[in-house]
Structures are given as structure tokens and as C-alpha cells.
Amino acid sequence: LSAGRKLSADKPIGESARSALLKHAWPGNVRELRNVIQRAGLLATGDRIEAADLNLPKAGSPRQVATSEPDRAGIEAALQRAGGVIAQAAAELNLSRQALYRRMERFGIKQP
């Protein structure tokens, strides 16, 4: 990754984010890396993605692992925070848009 690489949210990766990405152990896989970057790109409030936008655990802290899928209330809350933007809600829930649509259908949640 380069510090100037653009993302779908059209925000470059700042030097602090680049450094944090390189230092992180990445116990998952490339999909985890991609999800972290996409989520940060959607949720970053500045002109570029910085380390704080990545929401990575601090070095030495136990990594919180999701033990279950989001429930109806969690999906509805994410949709509300995202202003009904499916891509943003999906990123917050660490799901693909398609997976979020399937869960919305399962719980009978109407598209905003």
C-alpha cells in the first residue's frame, strides 16, 4: 500500500494509517485488510484516512472477536447511523452489501 493510494471513498491513505497498517499483525487474511481499509474510507471524517480511522486494536491489547452475527436491532441501528446508506452500514457491521441485504431480508427489515 502506498500513502497516496485512493479508495472507493476517494480518500488517500495518510502516513499514520500506512504505518499502522504495516505494524498490525493481520491474524486474518487479505479480506480483513480490505474490509478495514474500506470501512475507514467510508467512515473517515477528514480528507484522508489516518490511523485513528482504522479502528485497529492497540499493540498488546486482546483483539475483540465477534462471536455472533448482528441481530435485528444491531442492523437497524447501523442503518440509522449510516443514514440508510447500505454500503456504509455494511462496512460498520463488517459485512458485504450482499450479506447485509440477506440479513435484512431474514429479519424483515425494509430498505430505507
PDB file of N, CA and C in Angstrom:
ATOM      1  N   LEU A   1       0.841  -1.184   0.000  1.00  0.00           N
ATOM      2  CA  LEU A   1       0.000   0.000   0.000  1.00  0.00           C
ATOM      3  C   LEU A   1       0.877   1.236   0.000  1.00  0.00           C
ATOM      4  N   SER A   2       0.499   2.181  -0.758  1.00  0.00           N
ATOM      5  CA  SER A   2       1.244   3.432  -0.751  1.00  0.00           C
ATOM      6  C   SER A   2       0.419   4.495  -0.050  1.00  0.00           C
ATOM      7  N   ALA A   3       1.080   5.512   0.467  1.00  0.00           N
ATOM      8  CA  ALA A   3       0.388   6.549   1.226  1.00  0.00           C
ATOM      9  C   ALA A   3      -0.600   7.308   0.361  1.00  0.00           C
ATOM     10  N   GLY A   4      -0.423   7.326  -0.932  1.00  0.00           N
ATOM     11  CA  GLY A   4      -1.316   8.081  -1.802  1.00  0.00           C
ATOM     12  C   GLY A   4      -2.372   7.245  -2.494  1.00  0.00           C
ATOM     13  N   ARG A   5      -2.479   5.966  -2.170  1.00  0.00           N
ATOM     14  CA  ARG A   5      -3.448   5.099  -2.855  1.00  0.00           C
ATOM     15  C   ARG A   5      -4.875   5.548  -2.559  1.00  0.00           C
ATOM     16  N   LYS A   6      -5.672   5.648  -3.596  1.00  0.00           N
ATOM     17  CA  LYS A   6      -7.058   6.090  -3.434  1.00  0.00           C
ATOM     18  C   LYS A   6      -7.969   4.890  -3.194  1.00  0.00           C
ATOM     19  N   LEU A   7      -9.069   5.132  -2.495  1.00  0.00           N
ATOM     20  CA  LEU A   7     -10.022   4.082  -2.176  1.00  0.00           C
ATOM     21  C   LEU A   7     -11.369   4.406  -2.795  1.00  0.00           C
ATOM     22  N   SER A   8     -12.315   3.519  -2.598  1.00  0.00           N
ATOM     23  CA  SER A   8     -13.645   3.733  -3.146  1.00  0.00           C
ATOM     24  C   SER A   8     -14.277   5.010  -2.604  1.00  0.00           C
ATOM     25  N   ALA A   9     -13.926   5.414  -1.405  1.00  0.00           N
ATOM     26  CA  ALA A   9     -14.452   6.647  -0.832  1.00  0.00           C
ATOM     27  C   ALA A   9     -13.626   7.843  -1.291  1.00  0.00           C
ATOM     28  N   ASP A  10     -12.692   7.622  -2.196  1.00  0.00           N
ATOM     29  CA  ASP A  10     -11.853   8.656  -2.785  1.00  0.00           C
ATOM     30  C   ASP A  10     -11.028   9.406  -1.739  1.00  0.00           C
ATOM     31  N   LYS A  11     -10.536   8.689  -0.742  1.00  0.00           N
ATOM     32  CA  LYS A  11      -9.688   9.282   0.285  1.00  0.00           C
ATOM     33  C   LYS A  11      -8.345   8.571   0.272  1.00  0.00           C
ATOM     34  N   PRO A  12      -7.260   9.325   0.195  1.00  0.00           N
ATOM     35  CA  PRO A  12      -5.936   8.689   0.227  1.00  0.00           C
ATOM     36  C   PRO A  12      -5.610   8.193   1.637  1.00  0.00           C
ATOM     37  N   ILE A  13      -4.697   7.248   1.697  1.00  0.00           N
ATOM     38  CA  ILE A  13      -4.245   6.712   2.977  1.00  0.00           C
ATOM     39  C   ILE A  13      -3.122   7.601   3.488  1.00  0.00           C
ATOM     40  N   GLY A  14      -3.312   8.182   4.675  1.00  0.00           N
ATOM     41  CA  GLY A  14      -2.303   9.039   5.275  1.00  0.00           C
ATOM     42  C   GLY A  14      -1.123   8.231   5.787  1.00  0.00           C
ATOM     43  N   GLU A  15      -0.048   8.916   6.078  1.00  0.00           N
ATOM     44  CA  GLU A  15       1.175   8.253   6.534  1.00  0.00           C
ATOM     45  C   GLU A  15       0.965   7.523   7.860  1.00  0.00           C
ATOM     46  N   SER A  16       0.180   8.120   8.782  1.00  0.00           N
ATOM     47  CA  SER A  16      -0.054   7.441  10.069  1.00  0.00           C
ATOM     48  C   SER A  16      -0.843   6.148   9.864  1.00  0.00           C
ATOM     49  N   ALA A  17      -1.805   6.155   8.949  1.00  0.00           N
ATOM     50  CA  ALA A  17      -2.579   4.944   8.658  1.00  0.00           C
ATOM     51  C   ALA A  17      -1.697   3.903   7.983  1.00  0.00           C
ATOM     52  N   ARG A  18      -0.863   4.337   7.068  1.00  0.00           N
ATOM     53  CA  ARG A  18       0.044   3.414   6.375  1.00  0.00           C
ATOM     54  C   ARG A  18       0.949   2.715   7.385  1.00  0.00           C
ATOM     55  N   SER A  19       1.502   3.493   8.305  1.00  0.00           N
ATOM     56  CA  SER A  19       2.382   2.938   9.328  1.00  0.00           C
ATOM     57  C   SER A  19       1.630   1.942  10.213  1.00  0.00           C
ATOM     58  N   ALA A  20       0.410   2.296  10.624  1.00  0.00           N
ATOM     59  CA  ALA A  20      -0.389   1.404  11.470  1.00  0.00           C
ATOM     60  C   ALA A  20      -0.735   0.112  10.735  1.00  0.00           C
ATOM     61  N   LEU A  21      -1.048   0.216   9.447  1.00  0.00           N
ATOM     62  CA  LEU A  21      -1.377  -0.979   8.658  1.00  0.00           C
ATOM     63  C   LEU A  21      -0.177  -1.914   8.552  1.00  0.00           C
ATOM     64  N   LEU A  22       1.002  -1.335   8.377  1.00  0.00           N
ATOM     65  CA  LEU A  22       2.207  -2.151   8.247  1.00  0.00           C
ATOM     66  C   LEU A  22       2.610  -2.807   9.567  1.00  0.00           C
ATOM     67  N   LYS A  23       2.315  -2.155  10.697  1.00  0.00           N
ATOM     68  CA  LYS A  23       2.688  -2.686  12.011  1.00  0.00           C
ATOM     69  C   LYS A  23       1.704  -3.726  12.535  1.00  0.00           C
ATOM     70  N   HIS A  24       0.484  -3.723  12.019  1.00  0.00           N
ATOM     71  CA  HIS A  24      -0.546  -4.640  12.522  1.00  0.00           C
ATOM     72  C   HIS A  24      -0.208  -6.078  12.131  1.00  0.00           C
ATOM     73  N   ALA A  25      -0.483  -7.033  13.021  1.00  0.00           N
ATOM     74  CA  ALA A  25      -0.122  -8.438  12.787  1.00  0.00           C
ATOM     75  C   ALA A  25      -0.978  -9.114  11.716  1.00  0.00           C
ATOM     76  N   TRP A  26      -2.179  -8.664  11.448  1.00  0.00           N
ATOM     77  CA  TRP A  26      -3.103  -9.241  10.467  1.00  0.00           C
ATOM     78  C   TRP A  26      -3.267 -10.743  10.647  1.00  0.00           C
ATOM     79  N   PRO A  27      -3.860 -11.142  11.779  1.00  0.00           N
ATOM     80  CA  PRO A  27      -4.075 -12.566  12.002  1.00  0.00           C
ATOM     81  C   PRO A  27      -5.112 -13.167  11.056  1.00  0.00           C
ATOM     82  N   GLY A  28      -5.894 -12.328  10.419  1.00  0.00           N
ATOM     83  CA  GLY A  28      -6.906 -12.806   9.471  1.00  0.00           C
ATOM     84  C   GLY A  28      -6.281 -13.022   8.114  1.00  0.00           C
ATOM     85  N   ASN A  29      -6.852 -12.393   7.115  1.00  0.00           N
ATOM     86  CA  ASN A  29      -6.338 -12.551   5.767  1.00  0.00           C
ATOM     87  C   ASN A  29      -6.475 -11.239   5.008  1.00  0.00           C
ATOM     88  N   VAL A  30      -6.266 -11.289   3.722  1.00  0.00           N
ATOM     89  CA  VAL A  30      -6.350 -10.085   2.893  1.00  0.00           C
ATOM     90  C   VAL A  30      -7.749  -9.486   2.951  1.00  0.00           C
ATOM     91  N   ARG A  31      -8.750 -10.326   3.094  1.00  0.00           N
ATOM     92  CA  ARG A  31     -10.128  -9.827   3.191  1.00  0.00           C
ATOM     93  C   ARG A  31     -10.285  -8.916   4.405  1.00  0.00           C
ATOM     94  N   GLU A  32      -9.647  -9.277   5.517  1.00  0.00           N
ATOM     95  CA  GLU A  32      -9.700  -8.442   6.722  1.00  0.00           C
ATOM     96  C   GLU A  32      -9.058  -7.084   6.455  1.00  0.00           C
ATOM     97  N   LEU A  33      -7.911  -7.081   5.807  1.00  0.00           N
ATOM     98  CA  LEU A  33      -7.227  -5.836   5.462  1.00  0.00           C
ATOM     99  C   LEU A  33      -8.115  -4.975   4.574  1.00  0.00           C
ATOM    100  N   ARG A  34      -8.683  -5.581   3.539  1.00  0.00           N
ATOM    101  CA  ARG A  34      -9.549  -4.841   2.618  1.00  0.00           C
ATOM    102  C   ARG A  34     -10.748  -4.248   3.357  1.00  0.00           C
ATOM    103  N   ASN A  35     -11.365  -5.033   4.238  1.00  0.00           N
ATOM    104  CA  ASN A  35     -12.521  -4.548   4.987  1.00  0.00           C
ATOM    105  C   ASN A  35     -12.166  -3.374   5.890  1.00  0.00           C
ATOM    106  N   VAL A  36     -11.017  -3.457   6.553  1.00  0.00           N
ATOM    107  CA  VAL A  36     -10.585  -2.364   7.434  1.00  0.00           C
ATOM    108  C   VAL A  36     -10.390  -1.083   6.624  1.00  0.00           C
ATOM    109  N   ILE A  37      -9.755  -1.193   5.471  1.00  0.00           N
ATOM    110  CA  ILE A  37      -9.497  -0.015   4.646  1.00  0.00           C
ATOM    111  C   ILE A  37     -10.796   0.544   4.073  1.00  0.00           C
ATOM    112  N   GLN A  38     -11.669  -0.322   3.585  1.00  0.00           N
ATOM    113  CA  GLN A  38     -12.938   0.156   3.034  1.00  0.00           C
ATOM    114  C   GLN A  38     -13.780   0.832   4.103  1.00  0.00           C
ATOM    115  N   ARG A  39     -13.834   0.229   5.270  1.00  0.00           N
ATOM    116  CA  ARG A  39     -14.611   0.815   6.359  1.00  0.00           C
ATOM    117  C   ARG A  39     -14.048   2.180   6.747  1.00  0.00           C
ATOM    118  N   ALA A  40     -12.739   2.261   6.869  1.00  0.00           N
ATOM    119  CA  ALA A  40     -12.104   3.533   7.225  1.00  0.00           C
ATOM    120  C   ALA A  40     -12.382   4.586   6.155  1.00  0.00           C
ATOM    121  N   GLY A  41     -12.340   4.190   4.893  1.00  0.00           N
ATOM    122  CA  GLY A  41     -12.616   5.127   3.808  1.00  0.00           C
ATOM    123  C   GLY A  41     -14.021   5.678   3.852  1.00  0.00           C
ATOM    124  N   LEU A  42     -14.959   4.849   4.251  1.00  0.00           N
ATOM    125  CA  LEU A  42     -16.349   5.286   4.334  1.00  0.00           C
ATOM    126  C   LEU A  42     -16.630   6.125   5.572  1.00  0.00           C
ATOM    127  N   LEU A  43     -15.968   5.812   6.663  1.00  0.00           N
ATOM    128  CA  LEU A  43     -16.284   6.463   7.931  1.00  0.00           C
ATOM    129  C   LEU A  43     -15.339   7.596   8.329  1.00  0.00           C
ATOM    130  N   ALA A  44     -14.209   7.739   7.640  1.00  0.00           N
ATOM    131  CA  ALA A  44     -13.255   8.800   7.983  1.00  0.00           C
ATOM    132  C   ALA A  44     -13.900  10.165   7.779  1.00  0.00           C
ATOM    133  N   THR A  45     -13.678  11.055   8.733  1.00  0.00           N
ATOM    134  CA  THR A  45     -14.277  12.382   8.637  1.00  0.00           C
ATOM    135  C   THR A  45     -13.356  13.401   7.986  1.00  0.00           C
ATOM    136  N   GLY A  46     -12.075  13.104   7.902  1.00  0.00           N
ATOM    137  CA  GLY A  46     -11.119  14.028   7.293  1.00  0.00           C
ATOM    138  C   GLY A  46     -10.964  13.797   5.803  1.00  0.00           C
ATOM    139  N   ASP A  47     -10.009  14.503   5.212  1.00  0.00           N
ATOM    140  CA  ASP A  47      -9.743  14.395   3.781  1.00  0.00           C
ATOM    141  C   ASP A  47      -8.965  13.140   3.428  1.00  0.00           C
ATOM    142  N   ARG A  48      -8.340  12.531   4.424  1.00  0.00           N
ATOM    143  CA  ARG A  48      -7.575  11.309   4.182  1.00  0.00           C
ATOM    144  C   ARG A  48      -7.779  10.361   5.354  1.00  0.00           C
ATOM    145  N   ILE A  49      -7.473   9.109   5.123  1.00  0.00           N
ATOM    146  CA  ILE A  49      -7.602   8.097   6.174  1.00  0.00           C
ATOM    147  C   ILE A  49      -6.362   8.157   7.053  1.00  0.00           C
ATOM    148  N   GLU A  50      -6.581   8.309   8.351  1.00  0.00           N
ATOM    149  CA  GLU A  50      -5.485   8.328   9.313  1.00  0.00           C
ATOM    150  C   GLU A  50      -5.606   7.107  10.225  1.00  0.00           C
ATOM    151  N   ALA A  51      -4.604   6.874  11.048  1.00  0.00           N
ATOM    152  CA  ALA A  51      -4.553   5.683  11.902  1.00  0.00           C
ATOM    153  C   ALA A  51      -5.799   5.546  12.777  1.00  0.00           C
ATOM    154  N   ALA A  52      -6.285   6.640  13.334  1.00  0.00           N
ATOM    155  CA  ALA A  52      -7.464   6.581  14.202  1.00  0.00           C
ATOM    156  C   ALA A  52      -8.698   6.093  13.451  1.00  0.00           C
ATOM    157  N   ASP A  53      -8.771   6.359  12.155  1.00  0.00           N
ATOM    158  CA  ASP A  53      -9.917   5.930  11.344  1.00  0.00           C
ATOM    159  C   ASP A  53      -9.946   4.424  11.129  1.00  0.00           C
ATOM    160  N   LEU A  54      -8.801   3.759  11.295  1.00  0.00           N
ATOM    161  CA  LEU A  54      -8.710   2.320  11.041  1.00  0.00           C
ATOM    162  C   LEU A  54      -9.338   1.486  12.148  1.00  0.00           C
ATOM    163  N   ASN A  55      -9.418   2.054  13.352  1.00  0.00           N
ATOM    164  CA  ASN A  55     -10.001   1.361  14.493  1.00  0.00           C
ATOM    165  C   ASN A  55      -9.321   0.014  14.756  1.00  0.00           C
ATOM    166  N   LEU A  56      -8.000  -0.001  14.634  1.00  0.00           N
ATOM    167  CA  LEU A  56      -7.227  -1.213  14.918  1.00  0.00           C
ATOM    168  C   LEU A  56      -6.969  -1.295  16.416  1.00  0.00           C
ATOM    169  N   PRO A  57      -6.885  -2.514  16.980  1.00  0.00           N
ATOM    170  CA  PRO A  57      -6.576  -2.632  18.406  1.00  0.00           C
ATOM    171  C   PRO A  57      -5.153  -2.152  18.681  1.00  0.00           C
ATOM    172  N   LYS A  58      -4.953  -1.610  19.862  1.00  0.00           N
ATOM    173  CA  LYS A  58      -3.616  -1.170  20.270  1.00  0.00           C
ATOM    174  C   LYS A  58      -2.707  -2.386  20.407  1.00  0.00           C
ATOM    175  N   ALA A  59      -1.430  -2.182  20.175  1.00  0.00           N
ATOM    176  CA  ALA A  59      -0.457  -3.276  20.303  1.00  0.00           C
ATOM    177  C   ALA A  59      -0.503  -3.831  21.718  1.00  0.00           C
ATOM    178  N   GLY A  60      -0.572  -5.139  21.835  1.00  0.00           N
ATOM    179  CA  GLY A  60      -0.596  -5.787  23.136  1.00  0.00           C
ATOM    180  C   GLY A  60      -1.976  -5.950  23.742  1.00  0.00           C
ATOM    181  N   SER A  61      -2.995  -5.328  23.157  1.00  0.00           N
ATOM    182  CA  SER A  61      -4.340  -5.472  23.712  1.00  0.00           C
ATOM    183  C   SER A  61      -5.023  -6.679  23.081  1.00  0.00           C
ATOM    184  N   PRO A  62      -5.865  -7.351  23.835  1.00  0.00           N
ATOM    185  CA  PRO A  62      -6.558  -8.513  23.259  1.00  0.00           C
ATOM    186  C   PRO A  62      -7.519  -8.062  22.171  1.00  0.00           C
ATOM    187  N   ARG A  63      -7.526  -8.769  21.097  1.00  0.00           N
ATOM    188  CA  ARG A  63      -8.400  -8.421  19.977  1.00  0.00           C
ATOM    189  C   ARG A  63      -9.799  -8.962  20.268  1.00  0.00           C
ATOM    190  N   GLN A  64     -10.769  -8.069  20.174  1.00  0.00           N
ATOM    191  CA  GLN A  64     -12.143  -8.486  20.400  1.00  0.00           C
ATOM    192  C   GLN A  64     -12.641  -9.205  19.150  1.00  0.00           C
ATOM    193  N   VAL A  65     -13.140 -10.402  19.346  1.00  0.00           N
ATOM    194  CA  VAL A  65     -13.625 -11.207  18.235  1.00  0.00           C
ATOM    195  C   VAL A  65     -15.141 -11.282  18.308  1.00  0.00           C
ATOM    196  N   ALA A  66     -15.784 -11.013  17.193  1.00  0.00           N
ATOM    197  CA  ALA A  66     -17.236 -11.113  17.148  1.00  0.00           C
ATOM    198  C   ALA A  66     -17.621 -12.581  17.284  1.00  0.00           C
ATOM    199  N   THR A  67     -18.538 -12.849  18.194  1.00  0.00           N
ATOM    200  CA  THR A  67     -18.931 -14.232  18.422  1.00  0.00           C
ATOM    201  C   THR A  67     -20.241 -14.573  17.741  1.00  0.00           C
ATOM    202  N   SER A  68     -20.953 -13.579  17.251  1.00  0.00           N
ATOM    203  CA  SER A  68     -22.221 -13.859  16.605  1.00  0.00           C
ATOM    204  C   SER A  68     -22.499 -12.832  15.518  1.00  0.00           C
ATOM    205  N   GLU A  69     -23.473 -13.148  14.703  1.00  0.00           N
ATOM    206  CA  GLU A  69     -23.895 -12.237  13.651  1.00  0.00           C
ATOM    207  C   GLU A  69     -24.646 -11.068  14.275  1.00  0.00           C
ATOM    208  N   PRO A  70     -24.714  -9.947  13.562  1.00  0.00           N
ATOM    209  CA  PRO A  70     -25.520  -8.840  14.072  1.00  0.00           C
ATOM    210  C   PRO A  70     -26.995  -9.244  14.111  1.00  0.00           C
ATOM    211  N   ASP A  71     -27.699  -8.803  15.156  1.00  0.00           N
ATOM    212  CA  ASP A  71     -29.119  -9.108  15.257  1.00  0.00           C
ATOM    213  C   ASP A  71     -29.936  -7.987  14.616  1.00  0.00           C
ATOM    214  N   ARG A  72     -31.237  -8.116  14.674  1.00  0.00           N
ATOM    215  CA  ARG A  72     -32.126  -7.134  14.049  1.00  0.00           C
ATOM    216  C   ARG A  72     -31.844  -5.725  14.578  1.00  0.00           C
ATOM    217  N   ALA A  73     -31.738  -5.593  15.897  1.00  0.00           N
ATOM    218  CA  ALA A  73     -31.505  -4.278  16.494  1.00  0.00           C
ATOM    219  C   ALA A  73     -30.163  -3.700  16.048  1.00  0.00           C
ATOM    220  N   GLY A  74     -29.136  -4.546  15.970  1.00  0.00           N
ATOM    221  CA  GLY A  74     -27.823  -4.083  15.530  1.00  0.00           C
ATOM    222  C   GLY A  74     -27.838  -3.595  14.095  1.00  0.00           C
ATOM    223  N   ILE A  75     -28.545  -4.311  13.234  1.00  0.00           N
ATOM    224  CA  ILE A  75     -28.645  -3.913  11.828  1.00  0.00           C
ATOM    225  C   ILE A  75     -29.426  -2.615  11.703  1.00  0.00           C
ATOM    226  N   GLU A  76     -30.553  -2.519  12.409  1.00  0.00           N
ATOM    227  CA  GLU A  76     -31.357  -1.296  12.348  1.00  0.00           C
ATOM    228  C   GLU A  76     -30.572  -0.095  12.867  1.00  0.00           C
ATOM    229  N   ALA A  77     -29.806  -0.286  13.942  1.00  0.00           N
ATOM    230  CA  ALA A  77     -29.003   0.810  14.495  1.00  0.00           C
ATOM    231  C   ALA A  77     -27.922   1.243  13.508  1.00  0.00           C
ATOM    232  N   ALA A  78     -27.262   0.274  12.869  1.00  0.00           N
ATOM    233  CA  ALA A  78     -26.221   0.607  11.885  1.00  0.00           C
ATOM    234  C   ALA A  78     -26.821   1.349  10.702  1.00  0.00           C
ATOM    235  N   LEU A  79     -27.989   0.920  10.241  1.00  0.00           N
ATOM    236  CA  LEU A  79     -28.657   1.606   9.127  1.00  0.00           C
ATOM    237  C   LEU A  79     -29.025   3.035   9.512  1.00  0.00           C
ATOM    238  N   GLN A  80     -29.471   3.212  10.741  1.00  0.00           N
ATOM    239  CA  GLN A  80     -29.837   4.552  11.195  1.00  0.00           C
ATOM    240  C   GLN A  80     -28.598   5.448  11.265  1.00  0.00           C
ATOM    241  N   ARG A  81     -27.500   4.940  11.831  1.00  0.00           N
ATOM    242  CA  ARG A  81     -26.270   5.732  11.922  1.00  0.00           C
ATOM    243  C   ARG A  81     -25.729   6.070  10.539  1.00  0.00           C
ATOM    244  N   ALA A  82     -25.949   5.163   9.582  1.00  0.00           N
ATOM    245  CA  ALA A  82     -25.449   5.366   8.216  1.00  0.00           C
ATOM    246  C   ALA A  82     -26.419   6.183   7.374  1.00  0.00           C
ATOM    247  N   GLY A  83     -27.498   6.649   7.965  1.00  0.00           N
ATOM    248  CA  GLY A  83     -28.462   7.434   7.207  1.00  0.00           C
ATOM    249  C   GLY A  83     -29.108   6.635   6.086  1.00  0.00           C
ATOM    250  N   GLY A  84     -29.210   5.320   6.271  1.00  0.00           N
ATOM    251  CA  GLY A  84     -29.825   4.466   5.267  1.00  0.00           C
ATOM    252  C   GLY A  84     -28.899   4.029   4.148  1.00  0.00           C
ATOM    253  N   VAL A  85     -27.634   4.433   4.207  1.00  0.00           N
ATOM    254  CA  VAL A  85     -26.667   4.056   3.166  1.00  0.00           C
ATOM    255  C   VAL A  85     -26.198   2.626   3.449  1.00  0.00           C
ATOM    256  N   ILE A  86     -26.630   1.705   2.589  1.00  0.00           N
ATOM    257  CA  ILE A  86     -26.362   0.280   2.793  1.00  0.00           C
ATOM    258  C   ILE A  86     -24.863  -0.007   2.864  1.00  0.00           C
ATOM    259  N   ALA A  87     -24.092   0.566   1.944  1.00  0.00           N
ATOM    260  CA  ALA A  87     -22.646   0.300   1.911  1.00  0.00           C
ATOM    261  C   ALA A  87     -21.979   0.720   3.218  1.00  0.00           C
ATOM    262  N   GLN A  88     -22.388   1.853   3.758  1.00  0.00           N
ATOM    263  CA  GLN A  88     -21.788   2.345   4.997  1.00  0.00           C
ATOM    264  C   GLN A  88     -22.204   1.473   6.184  1.00  0.00           C
ATOM    265  N   ALA A  89     -23.472   1.089   6.239  1.00  0.00           N
ATOM    266  CA  ALA A  89     -23.936   0.217   7.324  1.00  0.00           C
ATOM    267  C   ALA A  89     -23.245  -1.143   7.249  1.00  0.00           C
ATOM    268  N   ALA A  90     -23.099  -1.672   6.041  1.00  0.00           N
ATOM    269  CA  ALA A  90     -22.429  -2.964   5.865  1.00  0.00           C
ATOM    270  C   ALA A  90     -20.981  -2.885   6.330  1.00  0.00           C
ATOM    271  N   ALA A  91     -20.295  -1.799   5.981  1.00  0.00           N
ATOM    272  CA  ALA A  91     -18.902  -1.633   6.399  1.00  0.00           C
ATOM    273  C   ALA A  91     -18.804  -1.568   7.920  1.00  0.00           C
ATOM    274  N   GLU A  92     -19.731  -0.849   8.541  1.00  0.00           N
ATOM    275  CA  GLU A  92     -19.723  -0.749  10.000  1.00  0.00           C
ATOM    276  C   GLU A  92     -19.922  -2.120  10.652  1.00  0.00           C
ATOM    277  N   LEU A  93     -20.751  -2.948  10.032  1.00  0.00           N
ATOM    278  CA  LEU A  93     -21.024  -4.285  10.563  1.00  0.00           C
ATOM    279  C   LEU A  93     -20.010  -5.321  10.095  1.00  0.00           C
ATOM    280  N   ASN A  94     -19.057  -4.873   9.288  1.00  0.00           N
ATOM    281  CA  ASN A  94     -18.028  -5.753   8.720  1.00  0.00           C
ATOM    282  C   ASN A  94     -18.656  -6.871   7.879  1.00  0.00           C
ATOM    283  N   LEU A  95     -19.642  -6.467   7.065  1.00  0.00           N
ATOM    284  CA  LEU A  95     -20.332  -7.377   6.160  1.00  0.00           C
ATOM    285  C   LEU A  95     -20.232  -6.837   4.742  1.00  0.00           C
ATOM    286  N   SER A  96     -20.411  -7.695   3.763  1.00  0.00           N
ATOM    287  CA  SER A  96     -20.558  -7.216   2.389  1.00  0.00           C
ATOM    288  C   SER A  96     -21.978  -6.657   2.253  1.00  0.00           C
ATOM    289  N   ARG A  97     -22.197  -5.847   1.225  1.00  0.00           N
ATOM    290  CA  ARG A  97     -23.547  -5.324   0.998  1.00  0.00           C
ATOM    291  C   ARG A  97     -24.531  -6.472   0.791  1.00  0.00           C
ATOM    292  N   GLN A  98     -24.105  -7.487   0.039  1.00  0.00           N
ATOM    293  CA  GLN A  98     -24.987  -8.617  -0.233  1.00  0.00           C
ATOM    294  C   GLN A  98     -25.359  -9.353   1.058  1.00  0.00           C
ATOM    295  N   ALA A  99     -24.384  -9.534   1.943  1.00  0.00           N
ATOM    296  CA  ALA A  99     -24.660 -10.205   3.219  1.00  0.00           C
ATOM    297  C   ALA A  99     -25.625  -9.380   4.061  1.00  0.00           C
ATOM    298  N   LEU A 100     -25.463  -8.052   4.033  1.00  0.00           N
ATOM    299  CA  LEU A 100     -26.381  -7.197   4.782  1.00  0.00           C
ATOM    300  C   LEU A 100     -27.788  -7.298   4.199  1.00  0.00           C
ATOM    301  N   TYR A 101     -27.899  -7.270   2.873  1.00  0.00           N
ATOM    302  CA  TYR A 101     -29.217  -7.423   2.244  1.00  0.00           C
ATOM    303  C   TYR A 101     -29.870  -8.750   2.654  1.00  0.00           C
ATOM    304  N   ARG A 102     -29.104  -9.834   2.686  1.00  0.00           N
ATOM    305  CA  ARG A 102     -29.653 -11.141   3.079  1.00  0.00           C
ATOM    306  C   ARG A 102     -30.145 -11.116   4.527  1.00  0.00           C
ATOM    307  N   ARG A 103     -29.375 -10.512   5.408  1.00  0.00           N
ATOM    308  CA  ARG A 103     -29.790 -10.440   6.810  1.00  0.00           C
ATOM    309  C   ARG A 103     -31.015  -9.545   6.967  1.00  0.00           C
ATOM    310  N   MET A 104     -31.056  -8.448   6.205  1.00  0.00           N
ATOM    311  CA  MET A 104     -32.232  -7.576   6.250  1.00  0.00           C
ATOM    312  C   MET A 104     -33.473  -8.350   5.817  1.00  0.00           C
ATOM    313  N   GLU A 105     -33.332  -9.153   4.771  1.00  0.00           N
ATOM    314  CA  GLU A 105     -34.461  -9.961   4.292  1.00  0.00           C
ATOM    315  C   GLU A 105     -34.872 -10.982   5.353  1.00  0.00           C
ATOM    316  N   ARG A 106     -33.889 -11.627   5.973  1.00  0.00           N
ATOM    317  CA  ARG A 106     -34.167 -12.632   7.001  1.00  0.00           C
ATOM    318  C   ARG A 106     -34.945 -12.035   8.174  1.00  0.00           C
ATOM    319  N   PHE A 107     -34.593 -10.795   8.571  1.00  0.00           N
ATOM    320  CA  PHE A 107     -35.247 -10.150   9.709  1.00  0.00           C
ATOM    321  C   PHE A 107     -36.462  -9.318   9.309  1.00  0.00           C
ATOM    322  N   GLY A 108     -36.753  -9.256   8.009  1.00  0.00           N
ATOM    323  CA  GLY A 108     -37.905  -8.480   7.549  1.00  0.00           C
ATOM    324  C   GLY A 108     -37.692  -6.983   7.643  1.00  0.00           C
ATOM    325  N   ILE A 109     -36.449  -6.548   7.499  1.00  0.00           N
ATOM    326  CA  ILE A 109     -36.132  -5.121   7.558  1.00  0.00           C
ATOM    327  C   ILE A 109     -36.251  -4.555   6.147  1.00  0.00           C
ATOM    328  N   LYS A 110     -37.073  -3.529   5.991  1.00  0.00           N
ATOM    329  CA  LYS A 110     -37.273  -2.894   4.687  1.00  0.00           C
ATOM    330  C   LYS A 110     -36.106  -1.970   4.378  1.00  0.00           C
ATOM    331  N   GLN A 111     -35.810  -1.853   3.081  1.00  0.00           N
ATOM    332  CA  GLN A 111     -34.751  -0.932   2.661  1.00  0.00           C
ATOM    333  C   GLN A 111     -35.169   0.488   2.984  1.00  0.00           C
ATOM    334  N   PRO A 112     -34.234   1.290   3.482  1.00  0.00           N
ATOM    335  CA  PRO A 112     -34.571   2.690   3.814  1.00  0.00           C
ATOM    336  C   PRO A 112     -34.863   3.497   2.563  1.00  0.00           C
TER     337      PRO A 112
END
